[in-house]
Amino acid sequence: MLRHEFQPGRLVAGLFVGLAGFIYAGDAGGLWDTPWFVIIPIVVGGLCLAGATATVVGIRKGSAGRGDSRRPWTLTGHIPAGGAPGEEGTAQDTDVGKTGRG
């Protein structure tokens, strides 16, 4: 049984940060000489790749479990009882008329 959900974006980020640590460890051990600015593209590129990986995985997981995507929705996440937002007779029209705000 898994203890947590597998997150490939974090795996990619960890690999690139680990690579940066390996490069600095080799520099500290005297195996090679690494300029300080070499690490910046490795870490930033790894973080961008990790973000893209997490986005793709999130999109694939989200689209598989949605079901009917043709339902009307609002910014609050609920479906109004009277129909689509802005139709006559919905809560949006009646609330504005009763309170006098608008």
Protein backbone atom coordinates (compact mmCIF):
# COMPACT_ATOMS: atom_id res chain seq x y z
CA MET A 1 0.00 0.00 0.00
CA LEU A 2 1.29 3.44 -0.91
CA ARG A 3 1.95 5.85 1.92
CA HIS A 4 1.35 8.89 -0.27
CA GLU A 5 0.32 9.84 -3.78
CA PHE A 6 3.05 9.70 -6.44
CA GLN A 7 3.91 13.21 -7.66
CA PRO A 8 6.13 13.21 -10.75
CA GLY A 9 6.65 16.98 -10.65
CA ARG A 10 8.35 16.74 -7.28
CA LEU A 11 10.45 13.85 -8.54
CA VAL A 12 11.74 15.91 -11.48
CA ALA A 13 12.45 18.90 -9.22
CA GLY A 14 14.30 16.67 -6.76
CA LEU A 15 16.42 15.15 -9.51
CA PHE A 16 17.55 18.53 -10.81
CA VAL A 17 18.27 19.95 -7.35
CA GLY A 18 20.13 16.71 -6.58
CA LEU A 19 22.15 17.17 -9.78
CA ALA A 20 23.05 20.69 -8.66
CA GLY A 21 24.15 19.32 -5.29
CA PHE A 22 26.23 16.64 -7.02
CA ILE A 23 27.95 19.26 -9.17
CA TYR A 24 28.78 21.39 -6.12
CA ALA A 25 29.97 18.31 -4.21
CA GLY A 26 32.36 17.46 -7.04
CA ASP A 27 33.61 21.03 -6.98
CA ALA A 28 34.10 20.94 -3.21
CA GLY A 29 35.91 17.60 -3.45
CA GLY A 30 38.36 18.99 -5.97
CA LEU A 31 37.31 16.71 -8.84
CA TRP A 32 36.44 19.67 -11.11
CA ASP A 33 36.03 23.43 -10.98
CA THR A 34 32.43 24.69 -11.29
CA PRO A 35 31.67 28.40 -11.78
CA TRP A 36 28.84 29.68 -9.58
CA PHE A 37 26.61 30.66 -12.52
CA VAL A 38 26.40 27.12 -13.94
CA ILE A 39 23.92 26.04 -11.29
CA ILE A 40 21.32 28.73 -12.07
CA PRO A 41 20.17 27.29 -15.44
CA ILE A 42 20.17 23.75 -14.02
CA VAL A 43 17.94 24.64 -11.07
CA VAL A 44 15.64 27.03 -12.97
CA GLY A 45 15.32 24.66 -15.92
CA GLY A 46 14.56 21.79 -13.56
CA LEU A 47 11.89 23.79 -11.75
CA CYS A 48 10.27 24.78 -15.06
CA LEU A 49 10.30 21.18 -16.24
CA ALA A 50 8.85 20.06 -12.90
CA GLY A 51 6.07 22.64 -13.19
CA ALA A 52 5.25 21.49 -16.71
CA THR A 53 5.24 17.87 -15.57
CA ALA A 54 2.93 18.63 -12.65
CA THR A 55 0.60 20.60 -14.92
CA VAL A 56 0.34 17.79 -17.46
CA VAL A 57 -0.28 15.21 -14.73
CA GLY A 58 -2.91 17.46 -13.09
CA ILE A 59 -4.72 17.99 -16.38
CA ARG A 60 -4.73 14.28 -17.15
CA LYS A 61 -6.00 13.34 -13.69
CA GLY A 62 -8.63 16.09 -13.66
CA SER A 63 -10.11 15.28 -17.06
CA ALA A 64 -10.45 11.56 -16.30
CA GLY A 65 -12.70 11.93 -13.28
CA ARG A 66 -14.91 14.85 -14.25
CA GLY A 67 -17.84 13.09 -15.82
CA ASP A 68 -20.29 15.38 -17.61
CA SER A 69 -18.41 18.55 -18.49
CA ARG A 70 -21.42 20.19 -20.17
CA ARG A 71 -23.07 21.23 -16.91
CA PRO A 72 -23.39 24.98 -16.29
CA TRP A 73 -21.11 26.36 -13.61
CA THR A 74 -20.48 29.60 -11.79
CA LEU A 75 -17.46 31.11 -10.09
CA THR A 76 -18.68 29.86 -6.73
CA GLY A 77 -18.74 26.29 -8.02
CA HIS A 78 -22.44 25.56 -7.60
CA ILE A 79 -25.16 25.22 -10.18
CA PRO A 80 -28.04 27.67 -9.69
CA ALA A 81 -31.45 26.06 -9.22
CA GLY A 82 -33.25 28.28 -11.74
CA GLY A 83 -31.08 27.47 -14.76
CA ALA A 84 -28.11 29.14 -16.35
CA PRO A 85 -26.67 32.27 -14.72
CA GLY A 86 -28.47 35.41 -15.80
CA GLU A 87 -31.70 33.74 -16.90
CA GLU A 88 -34.91 35.30 -15.73
CA GLY A 89 -36.14 33.83 -12.47
CA THR A 90 -32.76 32.83 -11.09
CA ALA A 91 -31.47 33.80 -7.69
CA GLN A 92 -29.17 36.39 -9.24
CA ASP A 93 -32.05 38.46 -10.62
CA THR A 94 -34.28 38.18 -7.56
CA ASP A 95 -31.56 39.00 -5.04
CA VAL A 96 -30.65 42.26 -6.74
CA GLY A 97 -34.27 43.36 -7.04
CA LYS A 98 -35.14 42.67 -3.39
CA THR A 99 -32.15 44.32 -1.78
CA GLY A 100 -32.11 47.39 -3.99
CA ARG A 101 -28.44 46.97 -4.82
CA GLY A 102 -27.32 46.59 -8.33
